[in-house]
Amino acid sequence: MDTLTHALSGALLTRATAPSQRRDDPLTLRERVLVGTLAAAFPDSDFVLRSVTDLLTYLNWHRGITHSVVMLPFWGMLLATLFWWFGGRQKPRQAYLGVSLLGISIHIAGDVITAYGTQILAPLSNYKAAWPTTFVIDPWFTSIIVMGLLGSWYWHRSRLPAVAGLALLVTYVGFQGILRTQALALGDEYARQHSLNKIQVHALPQPLSPFNWKIVVVAPQKYYLSQVNLRRKQLAVPTSPDPPFWVRLYTAYPPPTAMQWTQYRLYGKPDQETLARTVWHQEALQGYRQFALLPALYAIDRGSNGLCVWFVDLRFTLPSLTPPFRYGGCRQKNDSRWELRQLLRNLGS
């Protein structure tokens, strides 16, 4: 989830949980909402790691220790102390603790419902929790939060608008969970029809609509991938021959009756397998193996100066857009050592 949405969700939660009797809370309503907003944005402060390390190391550390349920009490106490100090130390430090914990907690929850994975047990474990119901940038999700906050601003004496906004938000995520179940069922049905054994099915939320899903059926060293819009009854067709990218993206999700499945392989085609397997298991790619949940061969780039074997994580591919986080192993001509590289350009350019 983007940091702005996280911050707004913290404001909504702390407003919804404000005591009905103001005298029961040593913080003013404005202070409470401000603390909740800042606390909900805090876990993404791990972006500072990007300034001291490379992108791949950051990708593996991101949503780590600052997003940990294990570390939640520590971060709550740290933020409460900072808010107490910068607030003039006139109010009890404990007054800031509960609000700080609420803000951090809703941030963690907001990240768990995306596909990236959140290390909720760090530093004890690098397990990445994910119940992917919501795309990382969801305008509907954010709009519900904004409506709840606007209602709270207009009816500032009542917490009911914030409570209603929070309830609607939970309902929306629950609805997305139902859609995810439907998408998973389509993947299971495809596997059954094609007699695929030892499979896992992933349903990943996609941009622009809660009905847009990517379905990935994972078989040993193979993936069967399709896009779908669960609500559409017919194909959406761009109205111009050269539409902008968001139109191409919007129309790329067909109805369930028109789904097309594409096969990907971790090691590519049979004539690419030996080379791709060799490079994939190089020590230099250990960090990328740790990061990529659905890795597949992207391309083999043979140039006059050397050779590169590129991989992509299918979690992050979008129709008609160049995927991010493409990494591979490269070696210079007449050199046997493979080095980790990131592919930043379009191949052929």
Protein backbone atom coordinates (compact mmCIF):
# COMPACT_ATOMS: atom_id res chain seq x y z
CA MET A 1 0.00 0.00 0.00
CA ASP A 2 1.26 3.50 -0.74
CA THR A 3 2.44 5.55 2.23
CA LEU A 4 -0.23 8.25 1.83
CA THR A 5 -3.02 5.69 2.07
CA HIS A 6 -1.33 4.17 5.10
CA ALA A 7 -1.18 7.57 6.80
CA LEU A 8 -4.83 8.32 6.04
CA SER A 9 -5.88 4.90 7.35
CA GLY A 10 -4.13 5.70 10.62
CA ALA A 11 -6.04 8.97 10.86
CA LEU A 12 -9.34 7.17 10.22
CA LEU A 13 -8.69 4.43 12.78
CA THR A 14 -7.61 6.76 15.55
CA ARG A 15 -10.61 9.01 14.91
CA ALA A 16 -12.96 6.02 14.97
CA THR A 17 -11.52 4.79 18.29
CA ALA A 18 -11.48 8.18 20.02
CA PRO A 19 -13.29 8.14 23.39
CA SER A 20 -16.81 9.48 23.19
CA GLN A 21 -16.12 11.54 26.29
CA ARG A 22 -13.25 13.89 25.53
CA ARG A 23 -12.26 14.10 29.18
CA ASP A 24 -11.35 10.39 29.04
CA ASP A 25 -8.50 11.12 26.61
CA PRO A 26 -5.59 13.37 27.65
CA LEU A 27 -4.91 14.08 23.97
CA THR A 28 -7.03 16.52 22.05
CA LEU A 29 -8.82 15.10 19.02
CA ARG A 30 -6.44 16.91 16.70
CA GLU A 31 -3.41 15.55 18.55
CA ARG A 32 -4.83 12.04 18.47
CA VAL A 33 -5.45 12.08 14.73
CA LEU A 34 -2.04 13.63 14.02
CA VAL A 35 -0.24 11.01 16.09
CA GLY A 36 -2.22 8.22 14.40
CA THR A 37 -1.39 9.61 10.96
CA LEU A 38 2.34 9.83 11.63
CA ALA A 39 2.47 6.44 13.35
CA ALA A 40 0.70 4.79 10.41
CA ALA A 41 3.29 6.24 8.02
CA PHE A 42 6.24 5.25 10.22
CA PRO A 43 6.85 1.64 9.04
CA ASP A 44 7.69 2.91 5.55
CA SER A 45 10.60 4.82 7.07
CA ASP A 46 12.61 1.75 6.10
CA PHE A 47 12.99 3.48 2.72
CA VAL A 48 16.14 5.09 4.20
CA LEU A 49 17.80 1.71 3.69
CA ARG A 50 17.68 2.44 -0.03
CA SER A 51 20.24 5.22 0.46
CA VAL A 52 22.79 2.88 2.05
CA THR A 53 22.30 -0.32 0.06
CA ASP A 54 21.52 -1.60 -3.41
CA LEU A 55 17.96 -2.03 -4.70
CA LEU A 56 17.80 -5.82 -4.39
CA THR A 57 19.00 -5.80 -0.78
CA TYR A 58 16.41 -3.12 -0.05
CA LEU A 59 13.67 -5.18 -1.71
CA ASN A 60 14.52 -8.10 0.57
CA TRP A 61 14.66 -5.91 3.69
CA HIS A 62 11.62 -3.78 2.87
CA ARG A 63 8.53 -4.56 4.95
CA GLY A 64 10.84 -6.19 7.43
CA ILE A 65 11.67 -5.12 10.95
CA THR A 66 9.60 -1.90 10.89
CA HIS A 67 6.55 -3.96 9.80
CA SER A 68 7.00 -6.67 12.44
CA VAL A 69 4.32 -7.66 14.92
CA VAL A 70 7.12 -8.95 17.14
CA MET A 71 8.70 -5.49 17.20
CA LEU A 72 5.37 -3.67 17.54
CA PRO A 73 5.67 -2.95 21.31
CA PHE A 74 9.17 -1.53 20.82
CA TRP A 75 8.16 0.72 17.94
CA GLY A 76 5.08 1.84 19.87
CA MET A 77 7.17 2.84 22.87
CA LEU A 78 9.73 4.57 20.65
CA LEU A 79 7.13 6.64 18.83
CA ALA A 80 5.26 7.41 22.05
CA THR A 81 8.49 8.73 23.55
CA LEU A 82 9.21 10.87 20.49
CA PHE A 83 5.68 12.29 20.40
CA TRP A 84 5.82 12.96 24.13
CA TRP A 85 9.17 14.74 23.77
CA PHE A 86 8.23 16.88 20.79
CA GLY A 87 4.81 17.53 22.33
CA GLY A 88 6.41 19.42 25.18
CA ARG A 89 6.39 16.59 27.74
CA GLN A 90 3.31 18.07 29.37
CA LYS A 91 1.05 15.05 28.90
CA PRO A 92 1.74 11.52 30.10
CA ARG A 93 3.86 9.47 27.75
CA GLN A 94 1.37 6.62 28.03
CA ALA A 95 -1.24 8.80 26.32
CA TYR A 96 0.66 8.48 23.05
CA LEU A 97 1.32 4.74 23.28
CA GLY A 98 -2.11 3.34 22.38
CA VAL A 99 -2.53 5.66 19.41
CA SER A 100 0.96 4.83 18.14
CA LEU A 101 0.22 1.10 18.35
CA LEU A 102 -3.03 1.57 16.44
CA GLY A 103 -1.31 3.49 13.66
CA ILE A 104 1.49 0.96 13.19
CA SER A 105 -0.94 -1.96 13.38
CA ILE A 106 -3.21 -0.71 10.60
CA HIS A 107 -0.15 -0.11 8.42
CA ILE A 108 0.94 -3.72 8.89
CA ALA A 109 -2.58 -4.94 8.12
CA GLY A 110 -2.72 -2.76 5.00
CA ASP A 111 0.48 -4.32 3.67
CA VAL A 112 -0.49 -7.91 4.47
CA ILE A 113 -3.45 -7.65 2.08
CA THR A 114 -1.12 -6.94 -0.87
CA ALA A 115 0.97 -9.44 -2.83
CA TYR A 116 4.45 -8.17 -1.88
CA GLY A 117 4.72 -10.04 1.42
CA THR A 118 5.27 -8.60 4.92
CA GLN A 119 7.80 -9.99 7.38
CA ILE A 120 5.51 -9.87 10.40
CA LEU A 121 7.84 -12.07 12.50
CA ALA A 122 11.10 -10.22 11.82
CA PRO A 123 13.78 -10.47 13.13
CA LEU A 124 12.88 -13.97 14.35
CA SER A 125 11.87 -15.14 10.88
CA ASN A 126 11.89 -13.85 7.31
CA TYR A 127 8.48 -15.42 6.66
CA LYS A 128 6.44 -13.11 4.42
CA ALA A 129 2.74 -12.97 5.20
CA ALA A 130 0.43 -12.14 2.30
CA TRP A 131 -3.31 -12.41 1.85
CA PRO A 132 -3.42 -10.61 -1.50
CA THR A 133 -6.84 -9.06 -1.87
CA THR A 134 -5.83 -5.50 -2.76
CA PHE A 135 -3.52 -3.99 -5.36
CA VAL A 136 -0.73 -1.87 -3.93
CA ILE A 137 -2.42 1.31 -5.24
CA ASP A 138 -6.18 0.98 -5.03
CA PRO A 139 -8.16 4.21 -5.65
CA TRP A 140 -11.36 2.65 -4.30
CA PHE A 141 -9.65 1.65 -1.05
CA THR A 142 -8.16 5.11 -0.64
CA SER A 143 -11.43 6.84 -1.56
CA ILE A 144 -13.32 5.03 1.19
CA ILE A 145 -10.78 6.28 3.73
CA VAL A 146 -11.00 9.83 2.38
CA MET A 147 -14.82 9.78 2.53
CA GLY A 148 -14.68 8.64 6.15
CA LEU A 149 -12.27 11.44 7.02
CA LEU A 150 -14.33 14.07 5.19
CA GLY A 151 -17.42 12.92 7.04
CA SER A 152 -15.52 13.16 10.32
CA TRP A 153 -14.41 16.67 9.46
CA TYR A 154 -17.96 17.76 8.60
CA TRP A 155 -19.57 16.07 11.62
CA HIS A 156 -16.60 16.74 13.85
CA ARG A 157 -18.46 16.11 17.10
CA SER A 158 -19.27 12.53 16.17
CA ARG A 159 -17.01 9.58 15.52
CA LEU A 160 -19.80 7.77 13.64
CA PRO A 161 -18.57 8.83 10.15
CA ALA A 162 -15.11 7.43 10.91
CA VAL A 163 -16.59 4.22 12.31
CA ALA A 164 -18.80 3.90 9.21
CA GLY A 165 -15.82 4.54 6.93
CA LEU A 166 -13.77 1.91 8.74
CA ALA A 167 -16.63 -0.60 8.55
CA LEU A 168 -17.04 0.08 4.82
CA LEU A 169 -13.30 -0.39 4.34
CA VAL A 170 -13.36 -3.77 6.06
CA THR A 171 -16.41 -4.74 4.00
CA TYR A 172 -14.64 -3.74 0.79
CA VAL A 173 -11.60 -5.88 1.64
CA GLY A 174 -13.91 -8.75 2.52
CA PHE A 175 -15.61 -8.34 -0.87
CA GLN A 176 -12.19 -8.45 -2.52
CA GLY A 177 -11.52 -11.65 -0.58
CA ILE A 178 -14.64 -13.18 -2.13
CA LEU A 179 -13.44 -12.14 -5.59
CA ARG A 180 -10.06 -13.69 -4.84
CA THR A 181 -11.79 -16.97 -4.00
CA GLN A 182 -13.55 -16.84 -7.37
CA ALA A 183 -10.25 -16.19 -9.16
CA LEU A 184 -8.59 -19.09 -7.33
CA ALA A 185 -11.47 -21.34 -8.40
CA LEU A 186 -10.79 -20.46 -12.06
CA GLY A 187 -7.17 -21.50 -11.61
CA ASP A 188 -8.18 -24.76 -9.94
CA GLU A 189 -10.60 -25.47 -12.78
CA TYR A 190 -7.90 -24.87 -15.40
CA ALA A 191 -5.56 -27.26 -13.58
CA ARG A 192 -8.30 -29.89 -13.37
CA GLN A 193 -9.17 -29.61 -17.07
CA HIS A 194 -5.52 -30.00 -18.07
CA SER A 195 -4.75 -32.75 -15.54
CA LEU A 196 -2.03 -30.71 -13.82
CA ASN A 197 -0.70 -32.31 -10.67
CA LYS A 198 1.28 -30.95 -7.72
CA ILE A 199 0.10 -27.42 -8.40
CA GLN A 200 -0.39 -24.23 -6.43
CA VAL A 201 -2.74 -21.48 -7.53
CA HIS A 202 -2.09 -17.79 -6.92
CA ALA A 203 -4.68 -15.07 -7.48
CA LEU A 204 -3.09 -11.62 -7.51
CA PRO A 205 -5.09 -8.37 -7.48
CA GLN A 206 -4.51 -6.05 -10.40
CA PRO A 207 -4.84 -2.27 -10.95
CA LEU A 208 -7.85 -0.12 -11.87
CA SER A 209 -10.63 -2.44 -10.70
CA PRO A 210 -11.25 -4.88 -7.84
CA PHE A 211 -12.56 -7.28 -10.51
CA ASN A 212 -9.18 -7.43 -12.30
CA TRP A 213 -7.08 -10.46 -11.34
CA LYS A 214 -3.98 -12.29 -12.45
CA ILE A 215 -4.18 -16.06 -11.97
CA VAL A 216 -1.01 -18.14 -11.87
CA VAL A 217 -1.12 -21.93 -11.76
CA VAL A 218 2.25 -23.13 -10.52
CA ALA A 219 3.42 -26.58 -11.61
CA PRO A 220 6.98 -27.90 -11.17
CA GLN A 221 9.21 -25.36 -12.99
CA LYS A 222 6.21 -24.16 -15.05
CA TYR A 223 3.60 -21.43 -14.73
CA TYR A 224 0.26 -21.06 -16.48
CA LEU A 225 -0.80 -17.41 -16.31
CA SER A 226 -3.97 -15.61 -17.30
CA GLN A 227 -5.69 -12.28 -16.68
CA VAL A 228 -9.40 -11.92 -16.01
CA ASN A 229 -12.06 -9.37 -15.16
CA LEU A 230 -14.61 -11.27 -13.10
CA ARG A 231 -17.43 -8.86 -13.89
CA ARG A 232 -17.11 -8.43 -17.66
CA LYS A 233 -19.41 -10.26 -20.05
CA GLN A 234 -17.56 -9.31 -23.23
CA LEU A 235 -14.14 -8.14 -24.33
CA ALA A 236 -13.25 -4.49 -23.83
CA VAL A 237 -11.75 -2.95 -26.97
CA PRO A 238 -9.74 0.33 -27.11
CA THR A 239 -11.47 3.03 -29.13
CA SER A 240 -8.23 4.27 -30.76
CA PRO A 241 -5.46 2.40 -32.57
CA ASP A 242 -2.76 3.79 -30.25
CA PRO A 243 -4.39 4.16 -26.82
CA PRO A 244 -2.51 5.40 -23.72
CA PHE A 245 -1.03 2.76 -21.45
CA TRP A 246 -3.83 2.93 -18.88
CA VAL A 247 -6.42 2.17 -21.59
CA ARG A 248 -4.34 -0.77 -22.80
CA LEU A 249 -4.10 -1.94 -19.22
CA TYR A 250 -7.81 -1.50 -18.55
CA THR A 251 -8.82 -3.49 -21.63
CA ALA A 252 -6.28 -6.27 -21.06
CA TYR A 253 -8.51 -8.18 -18.64
CA PRO A 254 -11.07 -10.32 -20.50
CA PRO A 255 -14.22 -11.92 -19.08
CA PRO A 256 -13.91 -15.47 -17.65
CA THR A 257 -15.33 -16.93 -20.87
CA ALA A 258 -12.50 -15.44 -22.96
CA MET A 259 -9.48 -16.11 -20.75
CA GLN A 260 -6.24 -17.02 -22.51
CA TRP A 261 -3.48 -18.87 -20.72
CA THR A 262 0.23 -18.33 -21.34
CA GLN A 263 2.91 -20.78 -20.25
CA TYR A 264 6.14 -19.60 -18.62
CA ARG A 265 9.07 -21.65 -17.41
CA LEU A 266 11.64 -21.01 -14.74
CA TYR A 267 14.35 -22.16 -17.12
CA GLY A 268 12.76 -21.16 -20.41
CA LYS A 269 12.50 -23.36 -23.49
CA PRO A 270 14.23 -26.77 -23.62
CA ASP A 271 17.19 -25.37 -25.58
CA GLN A 272 17.63 -22.63 -22.93
CA GLU A 273 17.25 -24.83 -19.87
CA THR A 274 20.86 -25.85 -19.27
CA LEU A 275 22.19 -22.30 -19.38
CA ALA A 276 19.27 -20.81 -17.43
CA ARG A 277 19.52 -23.47 -14.72
CA THR A 278 23.25 -22.90 -14.36
CA VAL A 279 22.86 -19.15 -13.99
CA TRP A 280 19.80 -19.34 -11.71
CA HIS A 281 21.72 -21.38 -9.14
CA GLN A 282 24.77 -19.14 -9.10
CA GLU A 283 25.70 -17.71 -5.70
CA ALA A 284 25.50 -14.22 -7.19
CA LEU A 285 21.71 -14.63 -7.63
CA GLN A 286 21.03 -15.76 -4.07
CA GLY A 287 19.41 -12.43 -3.16
CA TYR A 288 17.10 -12.56 -6.16
CA ARG A 289 16.15 -16.15 -5.41
CA GLN A 290 15.17 -14.97 -1.96
CA PHE A 291 13.05 -12.14 -3.38
CA ALA A 292 11.28 -13.71 -6.35
CA LEU A 293 8.19 -15.74 -5.47
CA LEU A 294 7.28 -16.62 -9.08
CA PRO A 295 10.59 -16.45 -10.99
CA ALA A 296 10.72 -17.17 -14.71
CA LEU A 297 13.29 -16.75 -17.45
CA TYR A 298 12.82 -13.36 -19.10
CA ALA A 299 15.46 -13.34 -21.81
CA ILE A 300 18.94 -14.48 -22.81
CA ASP A 301 20.93 -11.54 -24.11
CA ARG A 302 23.96 -12.47 -26.20
CA GLY A 303 26.09 -9.47 -27.06
CA SER A 304 29.49 -8.94 -28.57
CA ASN A 305 30.97 -8.26 -25.14
CA GLY A 306 29.35 -11.03 -23.17
CA LEU A 307 26.25 -12.91 -22.09
CA CYS A 308 23.36 -12.09 -19.74
CA VAL A 309 20.57 -14.37 -18.57
CA TRP A 310 17.62 -12.37 -17.20
CA PHE A 311 14.80 -13.43 -14.88
CA VAL A 312 11.54 -11.78 -13.87
CA ASP A 313 9.12 -12.22 -10.97
CA LEU A 314 5.66 -12.89 -12.43
CA ARG A 315 4.02 -11.23 -9.41
CA PHE A 316 4.93 -7.84 -10.83
CA THR A 317 4.20 -8.22 -14.53
CA LEU A 318 1.38 -6.14 -15.98
CA PRO A 319 -0.08 -6.37 -19.50
CA SER A 320 1.61 -4.08 -22.06
CA LEU A 321 4.06 -2.65 -19.47
CA THR A 322 7.75 -3.39 -18.99
CA PRO A 323 8.06 -5.39 -15.76
CA PRO A 324 10.17 -4.06 -12.88
CA PHE A 325 12.73 -5.97 -10.81
CA ARG A 326 14.37 -7.83 -13.71
CA TYR A 327 17.64 -9.35 -12.56
CA GLY A 328 20.07 -11.85 -13.96
CA GLY A 329 23.57 -13.13 -14.20
CA CYS A 330 26.05 -11.64 -16.66
CA ARG A 331 29.57 -12.56 -17.64
CA GLN A 332 32.10 -10.97 -19.91
CA LYS A 333 33.40 -12.76 -22.97
CA ASN A 334 36.05 -15.38 -22.07
CA ASP A 335 35.18 -14.98 -18.36
CA SER A 336 33.56 -17.78 -16.38
CA ARG A 337 32.40 -15.62 -13.44
CA TRP A 338 28.74 -14.65 -13.28
CA GLU A 339 27.84 -11.27 -11.78
CA LEU A 340 24.43 -10.08 -10.60
CA ARG A 341 22.99 -7.30 -12.77
CA GLN A 342 19.69 -5.45 -12.96
CA LEU A 343 18.07 -5.00 -16.37
CA LEU A 344 17.08 -1.36 -16.64
CA ARG A 345 16.60 -0.99 -20.39
CA ASN A 346 14.29 -2.54 -22.91
CA LEU A 347 16.01 -5.35 -24.73
CA GLY A 348 16.74 -4.45 -28.30
CA SER A 349 17.11 -0.72 -27.50
